[in-house]
C-alpha cells in the first residue's frame, strides 16, 4: 500500500473510534463489537494512529495508542522503542501528566544516552522538557482540532451518540417527496423520511432501483 492508502486507513480507523467510542486497546487487538476478530495491529500501526491524533492535538487518545505501541514494540520489532518513548514523553506532558512524562523521558535517556529529538519534534520536545506540563496542557486544549471541524462540539457529540444506538422517537417528524425543481426528479421524486431534526437525519427511499444497485455492485467488484 502507498502512503496515501495508509493515511486513509488511519483516518477511517480513527473515525470508527471517535464515532463509536471504541478503546485503543480493543482496536489494537482487532476486536470490534458485534463482529468477528479482525487483524491485529503492530506497534508501527499503533504509532501511525497515535500520530494522527497528535496532529489533531488530541493527546489523550494519542497517548492511549502509544501505550498500545509500547506493549508491542519489544515483541514485534516493527519500529524502534525510542520512537514510542519520545512520543510518550511529549504526549504525556501535553496531556498534563508530569509524572508519566518524566518516567518516559528517563526510560528514553536510559536506553538512548545520546538521544536528540528529530527535527519535527524539536519544538515540542523543548517545550515538554521545561516540565510545566499542567500549564502546557491548558494552553494545548485551545488548539484541539475537532473531528468534524464545521460542527460545534455539542453537535458532534449528538451525532456520535445517534450512531451508537437507535434514535429516540420524536414528535413532528414528517415524510415527503423531494424534487428540488429538477425535471427528472419531478417525474420521479425522492421519498424523504425524517428521523431526527437537530441535527437533521433523514432516509431517502427509492433513490436507485434494484437493477442500478446490482450494476453498482458489479462495477465495484475487484477485477
N, C-alpha and C. Protein backbone atom coordinates (compact mmCIF):
# COMPACT_ATOMS: atom_id res chain seq x y z
N UNK A 1 0.82 -1.21 0.00
CA UNK A 1 0.00 0.00 0.00
C UNK A 1 0.86 1.26 0.00
N UNK A 2 0.35 2.32 -0.61
CA UNK A 2 1.07 3.58 -0.65
C UNK A 2 0.88 4.35 0.65
N UNK A 3 1.63 5.45 0.78
CA UNK A 3 1.48 6.28 1.96
C UNK A 3 0.08 6.84 2.08
N UNK A 4 -0.53 7.20 0.95
CA UNK A 4 -1.89 7.73 0.97
C UNK A 4 -2.89 6.65 1.38
N UNK A 5 -2.65 5.41 0.96
CA UNK A 5 -3.50 4.30 1.40
C UNK A 5 -3.45 4.15 2.91
N UNK A 6 -2.23 4.22 3.45
CA UNK A 6 -2.05 4.08 4.90
C UNK A 6 -2.73 5.23 5.64
N UNK A 7 -2.56 6.45 5.12
CA UNK A 7 -3.19 7.61 5.76
C UNK A 7 -4.70 7.48 5.73
N UNK A 8 -5.25 6.98 4.63
CA UNK A 8 -6.69 6.79 4.54
C UNK A 8 -7.19 5.74 5.51
N UNK A 9 -6.43 4.66 5.67
CA UNK A 9 -6.80 3.61 6.62
C UNK A 9 -6.80 4.13 8.05
N UNK A 10 -5.79 4.95 8.37
CA UNK A 10 -5.71 5.54 9.72
C UNK A 10 -6.89 6.47 9.97
N UNK A 11 -7.22 7.29 8.97
CA UNK A 11 -8.37 8.20 9.14
C UNK A 11 -9.66 7.41 9.36
N UNK A 12 -9.82 6.32 8.62
CA UNK A 12 -11.03 5.50 8.77
C UNK A 12 -11.08 4.87 10.16
N UNK A 13 -9.94 4.39 10.64
CA UNK A 13 -9.90 3.76 11.96
C UNK A 13 -10.20 4.76 13.06
N UNK A 14 -9.62 5.95 12.96
CA UNK A 14 -9.87 6.96 13.99
C UNK A 14 -11.32 7.45 13.94
N UNK A 15 -11.91 7.45 12.75
CA UNK A 15 -13.32 7.84 12.65
C UNK A 15 -14.19 6.81 13.37
N UNK A 16 -13.88 5.53 13.19
CA UNK A 16 -14.60 4.49 13.92
C UNK A 16 -14.46 4.69 15.43
N UNK A 17 -13.25 4.97 15.87
CA UNK A 17 -13.02 5.14 17.30
C UNK A 17 -13.78 6.34 17.84
N UNK A 18 -13.75 7.45 17.10
CA UNK A 18 -14.45 8.66 17.55
C UNK A 18 -15.95 8.45 17.62
N UNK A 19 -16.51 7.90 16.55
CA UNK A 19 -17.97 7.80 16.45
C UNK A 19 -18.53 6.78 17.42
N UNK A 20 -17.88 5.62 17.54
CA UNK A 20 -18.44 4.54 18.35
C UNK A 20 -17.79 4.41 19.72
N UNK A 21 -16.94 5.39 20.06
CA UNK A 21 -16.32 5.43 21.39
C UNK A 21 -15.62 4.11 21.73
N UNK A 22 -14.78 3.65 20.81
CA UNK A 22 -14.05 2.40 20.99
C UNK A 22 -12.71 2.67 21.64
N UNK A 23 -12.20 1.70 22.38
CA UNK A 23 -10.92 1.88 23.05
C UNK A 23 -9.77 1.50 22.13
N UNK A 24 -8.64 2.15 22.35
CA UNK A 24 -7.44 1.81 21.58
C UNK A 24 -7.04 0.36 21.84
N UNK A 25 -7.21 -0.09 23.08
CA UNK A 25 -6.82 -1.46 23.44
C UNK A 25 -7.60 -2.48 22.63
N UNK A 26 -8.91 -2.26 22.45
CA UNK A 26 -9.73 -3.20 21.67
C UNK A 26 -9.36 -3.17 20.20
N UNK A 27 -9.21 -1.97 19.66
CA UNK A 27 -8.90 -1.85 18.24
C UNK A 27 -7.52 -2.41 17.92
N UNK A 28 -6.58 -2.25 18.84
CA UNK A 28 -5.21 -2.71 18.60
C UNK A 28 -5.13 -4.23 18.47
N UNK A 29 -6.04 -4.93 19.13
CA UNK A 29 -6.03 -6.40 19.02
C UNK A 29 -7.06 -6.89 18.00
N UNK A 30 -7.63 -5.94 17.25
CA UNK A 30 -8.55 -6.31 16.18
C UNK A 30 -9.94 -6.66 16.64
N UNK A 31 -10.34 -6.19 17.83
CA UNK A 31 -11.66 -6.53 18.35
C UNK A 31 -12.62 -5.38 18.12
N UNK A 32 -13.68 -5.65 17.36
CA UNK A 32 -14.75 -4.69 17.15
C UNK A 32 -16.04 -5.30 17.68
N UNK A 33 -16.83 -4.55 18.45
CA UNK A 33 -18.08 -5.10 18.99
C UNK A 33 -18.99 -5.63 17.89
N UNK A 34 -19.63 -6.75 18.16
CA UNK A 34 -20.61 -7.40 17.27
C UNK A 34 -19.99 -7.93 15.98
N UNK A 35 -18.67 -7.96 15.88
CA UNK A 35 -18.04 -8.51 14.68
C UNK A 35 -17.01 -9.55 15.08
N UNK A 36 -16.58 -10.34 14.10
CA UNK A 36 -15.51 -11.28 14.36
C UNK A 36 -14.20 -10.52 14.53
N UNK A 37 -13.25 -11.14 15.18
CA UNK A 37 -11.95 -10.51 15.39
C UNK A 37 -11.27 -10.28 14.05
N UNK A 38 -10.74 -9.07 13.87
CA UNK A 38 -10.06 -8.72 12.63
C UNK A 38 -8.56 -8.71 12.85
N UNK A 39 -7.81 -8.14 11.93
CA UNK A 39 -6.35 -8.16 12.00
C UNK A 39 -5.83 -7.43 13.23
N UNK A 40 -4.80 -7.99 13.84
CA UNK A 40 -4.14 -7.35 14.99
C UNK A 40 -3.16 -6.30 14.46
N UNK A 41 -3.13 -5.14 15.10
CA UNK A 41 -2.24 -4.07 14.67
C UNK A 41 -0.85 -4.25 15.26
N UNK A 42 0.15 -3.80 14.53
CA UNK A 42 1.53 -3.84 15.01
C UNK A 42 1.84 -2.56 15.78
N UNK A 43 3.02 -2.53 16.40
CA UNK A 43 3.46 -1.32 17.09
C UNK A 43 3.54 -0.15 16.12
N UNK A 44 4.05 -0.40 14.92
CA UNK A 44 4.16 0.66 13.91
C UNK A 44 2.78 1.17 13.51
N UNK A 45 1.80 0.26 13.41
CA UNK A 45 0.43 0.67 13.10
C UNK A 45 -0.12 1.58 14.19
N UNK A 46 0.11 1.19 15.44
CA UNK A 46 -0.39 1.96 16.57
C UNK A 46 0.23 3.36 16.60
N UNK A 47 1.51 3.46 16.25
CA UNK A 47 2.16 4.76 16.21
C UNK A 47 1.55 5.63 15.12
N UNK A 48 1.23 5.03 13.98
CA UNK A 48 0.60 5.78 12.89
C UNK A 48 -0.72 6.39 13.34
N UNK A 49 -1.52 5.62 14.09
CA UNK A 49 -2.79 6.14 14.60
C UNK A 49 -2.52 7.23 15.64
N UNK A 50 -1.54 7.00 16.51
CA UNK A 50 -1.20 7.99 17.54
C UNK A 50 -0.78 9.31 16.90
N UNK A 51 -0.03 9.25 15.83
CA UNK A 51 0.43 10.47 15.16
C UNK A 51 -0.72 11.24 14.54
N UNK A 52 -1.75 10.52 14.11
CA UNK A 52 -2.95 11.20 13.59
C UNK A 52 -3.61 12.01 14.70
N UNK A 53 -3.78 11.39 15.87
CA UNK A 53 -4.39 12.11 16.99
C UNK A 53 -3.46 13.22 17.49
N UNK A 54 -2.16 13.00 17.43
CA UNK A 54 -1.19 14.01 17.84
C UNK A 54 -1.35 15.26 16.97
N UNK A 55 -1.52 15.05 15.67
CA UNK A 55 -1.68 16.18 14.75
C UNK A 55 -2.97 16.94 15.04
N UNK A 56 -3.98 16.24 15.58
CA UNK A 56 -5.24 16.89 15.95
C UNK A 56 -5.18 17.49 17.35
N UNK A 57 -4.06 17.36 18.02
CA UNK A 57 -3.87 17.83 19.40
C UNK A 57 -4.80 17.11 20.36
N UNK A 58 -5.16 15.88 20.04
CA UNK A 58 -5.93 15.04 20.96
C UNK A 58 -4.92 14.13 21.65
N UNK A 59 -4.28 14.68 22.68
CA UNK A 59 -3.14 13.99 23.28
C UNK A 59 -3.54 12.81 24.16
N UNK A 60 -4.78 12.80 24.66
CA UNK A 60 -5.26 11.66 25.43
C UNK A 60 -5.31 10.41 24.56
N UNK A 61 -5.95 10.52 23.40
CA UNK A 61 -6.03 9.36 22.51
C UNK A 61 -4.68 9.03 21.89
N UNK A 62 -3.87 10.05 21.63
CA UNK A 62 -2.51 9.78 21.13
C UNK A 62 -1.73 8.95 22.14
N UNK A 63 -1.86 9.31 23.41
CA UNK A 63 -1.17 8.56 24.47
C UNK A 63 -1.69 7.13 24.57
N UNK A 64 -3.01 6.97 24.47
CA UNK A 64 -3.60 5.62 24.52
C UNK A 64 -2.99 4.72 23.44
N UNK A 65 -2.86 5.25 22.24
CA UNK A 65 -2.31 4.45 21.14
C UNK A 65 -0.81 4.22 21.29
N UNK A 66 -0.12 5.18 21.85
CA UNK A 66 1.32 4.99 22.09
C UNK A 66 1.56 3.92 23.15
N UNK A 67 0.68 3.86 24.14
CA UNK A 67 0.80 2.81 25.16
C UNK A 67 0.58 1.43 24.55
N UNK A 68 -0.35 1.35 23.60
CA UNK A 68 -0.53 0.08 22.88
C UNK A 68 0.72 -0.27 22.08
N UNK A 69 1.32 0.74 21.46
CA UNK A 69 2.56 0.52 20.71
C UNK A 69 3.67 0.05 21.64
N UNK A 70 3.74 0.64 22.83
CA UNK A 70 4.78 0.27 23.80
C UNK A 70 4.63 -1.17 24.25
N UNK A 71 3.39 -1.64 24.36
CA UNK A 71 3.16 -3.03 24.80
C UNK A 71 3.54 -4.05 23.73
N UNK A 72 3.70 -3.57 22.49
CA UNK A 72 4.00 -4.48 21.38
C UNK A 72 5.43 -4.35 20.86
N UNK A 73 6.05 -3.19 21.06
CA UNK A 73 7.26 -2.85 20.31
C UNK A 73 8.44 -3.78 20.59
N UNK A 74 8.54 -4.30 21.81
CA UNK A 74 9.68 -5.17 22.13
C UNK A 74 9.47 -6.60 21.63
N UNK A 75 8.24 -6.88 21.16
CA UNK A 75 7.94 -8.22 20.65
C UNK A 75 7.92 -8.26 19.13
N UNK A 76 7.21 -7.31 18.51
CA UNK A 76 7.10 -7.40 17.05
C UNK A 76 8.20 -6.64 16.32
N UNK A 77 8.88 -5.73 17.03
CA UNK A 77 10.04 -5.01 16.47
C UNK A 77 9.74 -4.37 15.11
N UNK A 78 8.56 -3.80 14.99
CA UNK A 78 8.21 -3.13 13.74
C UNK A 78 8.64 -1.67 13.72
N UNK A 79 9.16 -1.19 14.85
CA UNK A 79 9.69 0.18 14.93
C UNK A 79 10.61 0.26 16.14
N UNK A 80 11.48 1.26 16.21
CA UNK A 80 12.39 1.38 17.34
C UNK A 80 11.64 1.77 18.62
N UNK A 81 11.99 1.19 19.77
CA UNK A 81 11.34 1.59 21.03
C UNK A 81 11.48 3.08 21.31
N UNK A 82 12.61 3.66 20.88
CA UNK A 82 12.81 5.09 21.11
C UNK A 82 11.76 5.96 20.46
N UNK A 83 11.23 5.51 19.33
CA UNK A 83 10.18 6.26 18.65
C UNK A 83 8.93 6.35 19.51
N UNK A 84 8.63 5.26 20.21
CA UNK A 84 7.46 5.24 21.09
C UNK A 84 7.71 6.10 22.33
N UNK A 85 8.88 5.93 22.93
CA UNK A 85 9.19 6.62 24.18
C UNK A 85 9.26 8.13 24.00
N UNK A 86 9.86 8.59 22.90
CA UNK A 86 9.99 10.04 22.71
C UNK A 86 8.61 10.68 22.54
N UNK A 87 7.72 9.96 21.85
CA UNK A 87 6.37 10.50 21.68
C UNK A 87 5.56 10.43 22.97
N UNK A 88 5.74 9.36 23.75
CA UNK A 88 5.05 9.26 25.03
C UNK A 88 5.50 10.35 25.99
N UNK A 89 6.78 10.67 25.97
CA UNK A 89 7.30 11.75 26.81
C UNK A 89 6.56 13.06 26.51
N UNK A 90 6.36 13.35 25.23
CA UNK A 90 5.73 14.61 24.84
C UNK A 90 4.23 14.58 25.06
N UNK A 91 3.55 13.52 24.60
CA UNK A 91 2.09 13.50 24.73
C UNK A 91 1.64 13.45 26.18
N UNK A 92 2.39 12.74 27.02
CA UNK A 92 2.04 12.69 28.45
C UNK A 92 2.12 14.08 29.06
N UNK A 93 3.14 14.82 28.68
CA UNK A 93 3.29 16.18 29.20
C UNK A 93 2.17 17.07 28.69
N UNK A 94 1.89 17.00 27.40
CA UNK A 94 0.86 17.85 26.81
C UNK A 94 -0.53 17.49 27.33
N UNK A 95 -0.65 16.28 27.86
CA UNK A 95 -1.91 15.87 28.49
C UNK A 95 -1.98 16.35 29.94
N UNK A 96 -0.84 16.83 30.46
CA UNK A 96 -0.79 17.34 31.82
C UNK A 96 -0.29 16.36 32.85
N UNK A 97 0.22 15.21 32.40
CA UNK A 97 0.70 14.15 33.30
C UNK A 97 2.21 14.26 33.47
N UNK A 98 2.63 15.07 34.43
CA UNK A 98 4.06 15.33 34.64
C UNK A 98 4.82 14.07 35.04
N UNK A 99 4.25 13.27 35.93
CA UNK A 99 4.94 12.07 36.43
C UNK A 99 5.22 11.09 35.30
N UNK A 100 4.21 10.81 34.48
CA UNK A 100 4.40 9.87 33.37
C UNK A 100 5.40 10.42 32.36
N UNK A 101 5.30 11.71 32.10
CA UNK A 101 6.22 12.34 31.15
C UNK A 101 7.66 12.18 31.61
N UNK A 102 7.91 12.43 32.90
CA UNK A 102 9.25 12.29 33.45
C UNK A 102 9.72 10.84 33.37
N UNK A 103 8.82 9.92 33.65
CA UNK A 103 9.17 8.49 33.60
C UNK A 103 9.62 8.09 32.19
N UNK A 104 8.84 8.49 31.19
CA UNK A 104 9.19 8.09 29.81
C UNK A 104 10.46 8.79 29.34
N UNK A 105 10.72 9.99 29.82
CA UNK A 105 11.97 10.66 29.48
C UNK A 105 13.16 9.89 30.06
N UNK A 106 13.04 9.46 31.31
CA UNK A 106 14.11 8.68 31.94
C UNK A 106 14.33 7.36 31.18
N UNK A 107 13.23 6.70 30.81
CA UNK A 107 13.34 5.46 30.04
C UNK A 107 14.04 5.70 28.70
N UNK A 108 13.69 6.80 28.07
CA UNK A 108 14.28 7.14 26.77
C UNK A 108 15.78 7.38 26.88
N UNK A 109 16.17 8.19 27.87
CA UNK A 109 17.59 8.53 28.01
C UNK A 109 18.41 7.37 28.56
N UNK A 110 17.75 6.49 29.31
CA UNK A 110 18.45 5.30 29.81
C UNK A 110 18.78 4.35 28.67
N UNK A 111 17.85 4.21 27.74
CA UNK A 111 18.07 3.30 26.61
C UNK A 111 18.84 3.95 25.46
N UNK A 112 18.76 5.29 25.39
CA UNK A 112 19.44 6.02 24.32
C UNK A 112 20.18 7.21 24.94
N UNK A 113 21.33 6.98 25.57
CA UNK A 113 22.04 8.05 26.28
C UNK A 113 22.41 9.24 25.39
N UNK A 114 22.60 9.02 24.11
CA UNK A 114 22.99 10.10 23.20
C UNK A 114 21.79 10.64 22.41
N UNK A 115 20.61 10.42 22.94
CA UNK A 115 19.39 10.81 22.21
C UNK A 115 19.32 12.31 21.96
N UNK A 116 18.87 12.67 20.78
CA UNK A 116 18.48 14.04 20.46
C UNK A 116 17.23 13.96 19.60
N UNK A 117 16.27 14.86 19.80
CA UNK A 117 14.98 14.75 19.10
C UNK A 117 15.13 15.00 17.60
N UNK A 118 14.32 14.33 16.79
CA UNK A 118 14.31 14.60 15.35
C UNK A 118 13.79 16.01 15.08
N UNK A 119 14.08 16.52 13.90
CA UNK A 119 13.75 17.91 13.58
C UNK A 119 12.27 18.23 13.80
N UNK A 120 11.38 17.31 13.43
CA UNK A 120 9.95 17.62 13.51
C UNK A 120 9.43 17.62 14.95
N UNK A 121 10.24 17.14 15.90
CA UNK A 121 9.81 17.12 17.30
C UNK A 121 10.59 18.09 18.18
N UNK A 122 11.54 18.82 17.61
CA UNK A 122 12.42 19.67 18.42
C UNK A 122 11.62 20.68 19.24
N UNK A 123 10.69 21.38 18.62
CA UNK A 123 9.94 22.42 19.33
C UNK A 123 9.10 21.82 20.46
N UNK A 124 8.39 20.73 20.17
CA UNK A 124 7.55 20.11 21.19
C UNK A 124 8.40 19.47 22.29
N UNK A 125 9.53 18.90 21.91
CA UNK A 125 10.44 18.30 22.90
C UNK A 125 10.96 19.38 23.85
N UNK A 126 11.40 20.49 23.30
CA UNK A 126 11.93 21.57 24.13
C UNK A 126 10.85 22.17 25.03
N UNK A 127 9.61 22.17 24.56
CA UNK A 127 8.51 22.66 25.38
C UNK A 127 8.24 21.69 26.53
N UNK A 128 8.23 20.39 26.23
CA UNK A 128 7.96 19.39 27.27
C UNK A 128 9.08 19.31 28.29
N UNK A 129 10.31 19.56 27.86
CA UNK A 129 11.46 19.40 28.75
C UNK A 129 11.46 20.46 29.85
N UNK A 130 10.66 21.53 29.68
CA UNK A 130 10.57 22.56 30.73
C UNK A 130 9.88 22.02 31.98
N UNK A 131 9.08 20.95 31.81
CA UNK A 131 8.41 20.35 32.96
C UNK A 131 7.15 21.06 33.40
N UNK A 132 6.70 22.06 32.65
CA UNK A 132 5.49 22.80 33.03
C UNK A 132 4.27 22.16 32.36
N UNK A 133 4.06 20.90 32.65
CA UNK A 133 3.07 20.12 31.91
C UNK A 133 1.63 20.59 32.12
N UNK A 134 1.29 20.98 33.34
CA UNK A 134 -0.09 21.42 33.59
C UNK A 134 -0.39 22.70 32.81
N UNK A 135 0.54 23.65 32.82
CA UNK A 135 0.35 24.89 32.07
C UNK A 135 0.26 24.61 30.57
N UNK A 136 1.15 23.76 30.10
CA UNK A 136 1.16 23.42 28.68
C UNK A 136 -0.15 22.75 28.27
N UNK A 137 -0.63 21.84 29.12
CA UNK A 137 -1.87 21.12 28.83
C UNK A 137 -3.05 22.08 28.67
N UNK A 138 -3.14 23.06 29.54
CA UNK A 138 -4.24 24.03 29.47
C UNK A 138 -4.19 24.83 28.17
N UNK A 139 -3.00 25.22 27.76
CA UNK A 139 -2.88 26.00 26.52
C UNK A 139 -3.14 25.13 25.30
N UNK A 140 -2.75 23.86 25.35
CA UNK A 140 -2.93 22.97 24.21
C UNK A 140 -4.41 22.62 23.99
N UNK A 141 -5.21 22.65 25.05
CA UNK A 141 -6.63 22.33 24.91
C UNK A 141 -7.32 23.29 23.94
N UNK A 142 -6.82 24.52 23.88
CA UNK A 142 -7.42 25.52 23.00
C UNK A 142 -7.12 25.23 21.53
N UNK A 143 -6.09 24.42 21.28
CA UNK A 143 -5.68 24.14 19.90
C UNK A 143 -6.24 22.83 19.37
N UNK A 144 -7.01 22.12 20.21
CA UNK A 144 -7.51 20.81 19.79
C UNK A 144 -8.40 20.94 18.57
N UNK A 145 -8.16 20.09 17.58
CA UNK A 145 -8.92 20.12 16.33
C UNK A 145 -10.08 19.15 16.43
N UNK A 146 -11.29 19.64 16.18
CA UNK A 146 -12.48 18.80 16.28
C UNK A 146 -12.49 17.76 15.16
N UNK A 147 -13.12 16.61 15.44
CA UNK A 147 -13.18 15.54 14.43
C UNK A 147 -14.02 15.95 13.23
N UNK A 148 -15.00 16.85 13.43
CA UNK A 148 -15.80 17.40 12.32
C UNK A 148 -15.73 18.92 12.46
N UNK A 149 -14.74 19.57 11.84
CA UNK A 149 -14.46 20.98 12.09
C UNK A 149 -15.64 21.91 11.88
N UNK A 150 -16.54 21.59 10.92
CA UNK A 150 -17.63 22.52 10.61
C UNK A 150 -18.77 22.47 11.62
N UNK A 151 -18.73 21.54 12.60
CA UNK A 151 -19.78 21.43 13.60
C UNK A 151 -19.27 21.84 14.97
N UNK A 152 -20.19 22.32 15.81
CA UNK A 152 -19.86 22.58 17.21
C UNK A 152 -19.70 21.25 17.94
N UNK A 153 -18.93 21.25 19.03
CA UNK A 153 -18.67 20.01 19.74
C UNK A 153 -19.96 19.35 20.24
N UNK A 154 -20.93 20.15 20.67
CA UNK A 154 -22.21 19.59 21.13
C UNK A 154 -22.91 18.84 20.00
N UNK A 155 -22.84 19.40 18.78
CA UNK A 155 -23.46 18.73 17.63
C UNK A 155 -22.72 17.44 17.29
N UNK A 156 -21.39 17.48 17.40
CA UNK A 156 -20.59 16.28 17.14
C UNK A 156 -20.96 15.18 18.13
N UNK A 157 -21.10 15.55 19.41
CA UNK A 157 -21.46 14.57 20.43
C UNK A 157 -22.82 13.94 20.14
N UNK A 158 -23.78 14.77 19.71
CA UNK A 158 -25.12 14.25 19.38
C UNK A 158 -25.04 13.30 18.19
N UNK A 159 -24.27 13.69 17.20
CA UNK A 159 -24.11 12.84 16.01
C UNK A 159 -23.51 11.50 16.38
N UNK A 160 -22.46 11.51 17.19
CA UNK A 160 -21.82 10.27 17.61
C UNK A 160 -22.78 9.41 18.42
N UNK A 161 -23.55 10.05 19.31
CA UNK A 161 -24.49 9.31 20.15
C UNK A 161 -25.54 8.61 19.30
N UNK A 162 -26.00 9.28 18.26
CA UNK A 162 -27.02 8.67 17.40
C UNK A 162 -26.45 7.49 16.61
N UNK A 163 -25.17 7.56 16.29
CA UNK A 163 -24.55 6.47 15.55
C UNK A 163 -24.37 5.23 16.42
N UNK A 164 -24.35 5.41 17.73
CA UNK A 164 -24.09 4.29 18.64
C UNK A 164 -25.33 3.49 18.98
N UNK A 165 -26.51 4.02 18.72
CA UNK A 165 -27.71 3.30 19.13
C UNK A 165 -28.93 3.80 18.39
N UNK A 166 -30.10 3.20 18.66
CA UNK A 166 -31.33 3.60 17.99
C UNK A 166 -31.71 5.03 18.34
N UNK A 167 -32.30 5.74 17.38
CA UNK A 167 -32.73 7.11 17.61
C UNK A 167 -34.00 7.13 18.46
N UNK A 168 -34.12 8.09 19.37
CA UNK A 168 -35.36 8.20 20.14
C UNK A 168 -36.51 8.64 19.23
N UNK A 169 -37.72 8.19 19.55
CA UNK A 169 -38.89 8.58 18.78
C UNK A 169 -39.26 10.02 19.11
N UNK A 170 -39.37 10.86 18.09
CA UNK A 170 -39.66 12.28 18.30
C UNK A 170 -40.99 12.65 17.64
N UNK A 171 -41.61 13.71 18.16
CA UNK A 171 -42.82 14.24 17.54
C UNK A 171 -42.44 15.20 16.41
N UNK A 172 -43.38 15.40 15.51
CA UNK A 172 -43.19 16.40 14.47
C UNK A 172 -42.38 15.93 13.28
N UNK A 173 -42.02 14.66 13.22
CA UNK A 173 -41.27 14.15 12.08
C UNK A 173 -42.21 13.91 10.91
N UNK A 174 -41.72 14.11 9.69
CA UNK A 174 -42.57 14.02 8.51
C UNK A 174 -41.92 13.17 7.42
N UNK A 175 -42.74 12.75 6.49
CA UNK A 175 -42.27 12.13 5.25
C UNK A 175 -42.83 12.96 4.09
N UNK A 176 -42.00 13.24 3.10
CA UNK A 176 -42.49 13.99 1.96
C UNK A 176 -41.64 13.70 0.73
N UNK A 177 -42.12 14.16 -0.42
CA UNK A 177 -41.42 13.96 -1.68
C UNK A 177 -40.48 15.14 -1.95
N UNK A 178 -39.33 14.85 -2.54
CA UNK A 178 -38.32 15.87 -2.81
C UNK A 178 -37.95 15.84 -4.28
N UNK A 179 -37.99 17.02 -4.93
CA UNK A 179 -37.59 17.07 -6.35
C UNK A 179 -36.61 18.21 -6.65
N UNK A 180 -36.51 19.21 -5.75
CA UNK A 180 -35.57 20.33 -5.93
C UNK A 180 -35.73 21.00 -7.30
N UNK A 181 -36.94 20.97 -7.84
CA UNK A 181 -37.25 21.59 -9.13
C UNK A 181 -36.43 21.03 -10.30
N UNK A 182 -35.92 19.83 -10.12
CA UNK A 182 -35.19 19.17 -11.22
C UNK A 182 -36.21 18.42 -12.08
N UNK A 183 -36.16 18.61 -13.42
CA UNK A 183 -37.18 17.99 -14.29
C UNK A 183 -37.29 16.48 -14.11
N UNK A 184 -36.17 15.80 -14.04
CA UNK A 184 -36.21 14.33 -13.89
C UNK A 184 -36.83 13.95 -12.55
N UNK A 185 -36.46 14.69 -11.50
CA UNK A 185 -36.98 14.36 -10.17
C UNK A 185 -38.46 14.74 -10.02
N UNK A 186 -38.92 15.68 -10.84
CA UNK A 186 -40.35 15.99 -10.81
C UNK A 186 -41.17 14.79 -11.30
N UNK A 187 -40.59 14.05 -12.24
CA UNK A 187 -41.27 12.85 -12.74
C UNK A 187 -41.18 11.70 -11.75
N UNK A 188 -40.05 11.63 -11.03
CA UNK A 188 -39.87 10.54 -10.06
C UNK A 188 -39.12 11.10 -8.84
N UNK A 189 -39.82 11.81 -7.96
CA UNK A 189 -39.15 12.44 -6.81
C UNK A 189 -38.67 11.41 -5.78
N UNK A 190 -37.70 11.86 -4.98
CA UNK A 190 -37.23 11.03 -3.87
C UNK A 190 -38.26 11.05 -2.75
N UNK A 191 -38.32 9.95 -2.02
CA UNK A 191 -39.14 9.90 -0.80
C UNK A 191 -38.22 10.15 0.39
N UNK A 192 -38.48 11.21 1.13
CA UNK A 192 -37.64 11.59 2.26
C UNK A 192 -38.36 11.31 3.56
N UNK A 193 -37.71 10.58 4.45
CA UNK A 193 -38.25 10.26 5.77
C UNK A 193 -37.36 10.90 6.83
N UNK A 194 -37.94 11.77 7.66
CA UNK A 194 -37.19 12.42 8.73
C UNK A 194 -37.05 11.48 9.93
N UNK A 195 -35.83 11.35 10.43
CA UNK A 195 -35.58 10.53 11.62
C UNK A 195 -35.21 11.39 12.82
N UNK A 196 -34.64 12.56 12.56
CA UNK A 196 -34.21 13.46 13.63
C UNK A 196 -34.11 14.86 13.04
N UNK A 197 -34.40 15.87 13.88
CA UNK A 197 -34.41 17.24 13.37
C UNK A 197 -33.12 18.00 13.67
N UNK A 198 -32.62 17.90 14.88
CA UNK A 198 -31.41 18.61 15.27
C UNK A 198 -30.44 17.67 15.94
N UNK A 199 -29.35 17.25 15.26
CA UNK A 199 -29.03 17.55 13.85
C UNK A 199 -29.94 16.76 12.92
N UNK A 200 -30.10 17.24 11.68
CA UNK A 200 -31.01 16.55 10.75
C UNK A 200 -30.48 15.19 10.33
N UNK A 201 -31.34 14.17 10.46
CA UNK A 201 -31.02 12.82 9.99
C UNK A 201 -32.22 12.35 9.18
N UNK A 202 -31.97 11.96 7.93
CA UNK A 202 -33.06 11.55 7.06
C UNK A 202 -32.69 10.27 6.32
N UNK A 203 -33.72 9.58 5.82
CA UNK A 203 -33.53 8.45 4.91
C UNK A 203 -34.20 8.79 3.59
N UNK A 204 -33.48 8.60 2.48
CA UNK A 204 -34.07 8.74 1.16
C UNK A 204 -34.46 7.36 0.65
N UNK A 205 -35.72 7.21 0.27
CA UNK A 205 -36.22 5.93 -0.23
C UNK A 205 -36.35 5.97 -1.76
N UNK A 206 -36.16 4.81 -2.37
CA UNK A 206 -36.36 4.66 -3.82
C UNK A 206 -35.50 5.60 -4.64
N UNK A 207 -34.28 5.82 -4.20
CA UNK A 207 -33.36 6.69 -4.94
C UNK A 207 -32.80 5.96 -6.15
N UNK A 208 -32.44 4.69 -5.97
CA UNK A 208 -31.94 3.88 -7.08
C UNK A 208 -32.75 2.58 -7.12
N UNK A 209 -32.84 2.03 -8.31
CA UNK A 209 -33.60 0.79 -8.49
C UNK A 209 -32.74 -0.42 -8.14
N UNK A 210 -33.38 -1.57 -8.02
CA UNK A 210 -32.64 -2.80 -7.74
C UNK A 210 -31.64 -3.10 -8.85
N UNK A 211 -32.03 -2.84 -10.10
CA UNK A 211 -31.11 -3.07 -11.22
C UNK A 211 -29.88 -2.16 -11.14
N UNK A 212 -30.11 -0.91 -10.74
CA UNK A 212 -28.98 0.02 -10.60
C UNK A 212 -28.06 -0.41 -9.46
N UNK A 213 -28.65 -0.88 -8.37
CA UNK A 213 -27.85 -1.36 -7.24
C UNK A 213 -26.99 -2.55 -7.68
N UNK A 214 -27.59 -3.46 -8.43
CA UNK A 214 -26.84 -4.62 -8.93
C UNK A 214 -25.69 -4.18 -9.84
N UNK A 215 -25.95 -3.15 -10.66
CA UNK A 215 -24.91 -2.63 -11.55
C UNK A 215 -23.76 -2.03 -10.74
N UNK A 216 -24.08 -1.26 -9.70
CA UNK A 216 -23.04 -0.65 -8.87
C UNK A 216 -22.19 -1.72 -8.20
N UNK A 217 -22.85 -2.76 -7.70
CA UNK A 217 -22.12 -3.84 -7.04
C UNK A 217 -21.19 -4.55 -8.02
N UNK A 218 -21.70 -4.78 -9.22
CA UNK A 218 -20.89 -5.46 -10.23
C UNK A 218 -19.70 -4.59 -10.63
N UNK A 219 -19.93 -3.30 -10.78
CA UNK A 219 -18.86 -2.38 -11.17
C UNK A 219 -17.80 -2.27 -10.08
N UNK A 220 -18.24 -2.29 -8.81
CA UNK A 220 -17.31 -2.13 -7.69
C UNK A 220 -16.52 -3.39 -7.39
N UNK A 221 -16.97 -4.53 -7.89
CA UNK A 221 -16.29 -5.80 -7.58
C UNK A 221 -14.90 -5.80 -8.19
N UNK A 222 -13.85 -6.13 -7.42
CA UNK A 222 -12.49 -6.08 -7.95
C UNK A 222 -12.28 -7.07 -9.09
N UNK A 223 -11.48 -6.63 -10.06
CA UNK A 223 -11.18 -7.48 -11.21
C UNK A 223 -10.27 -8.62 -10.82
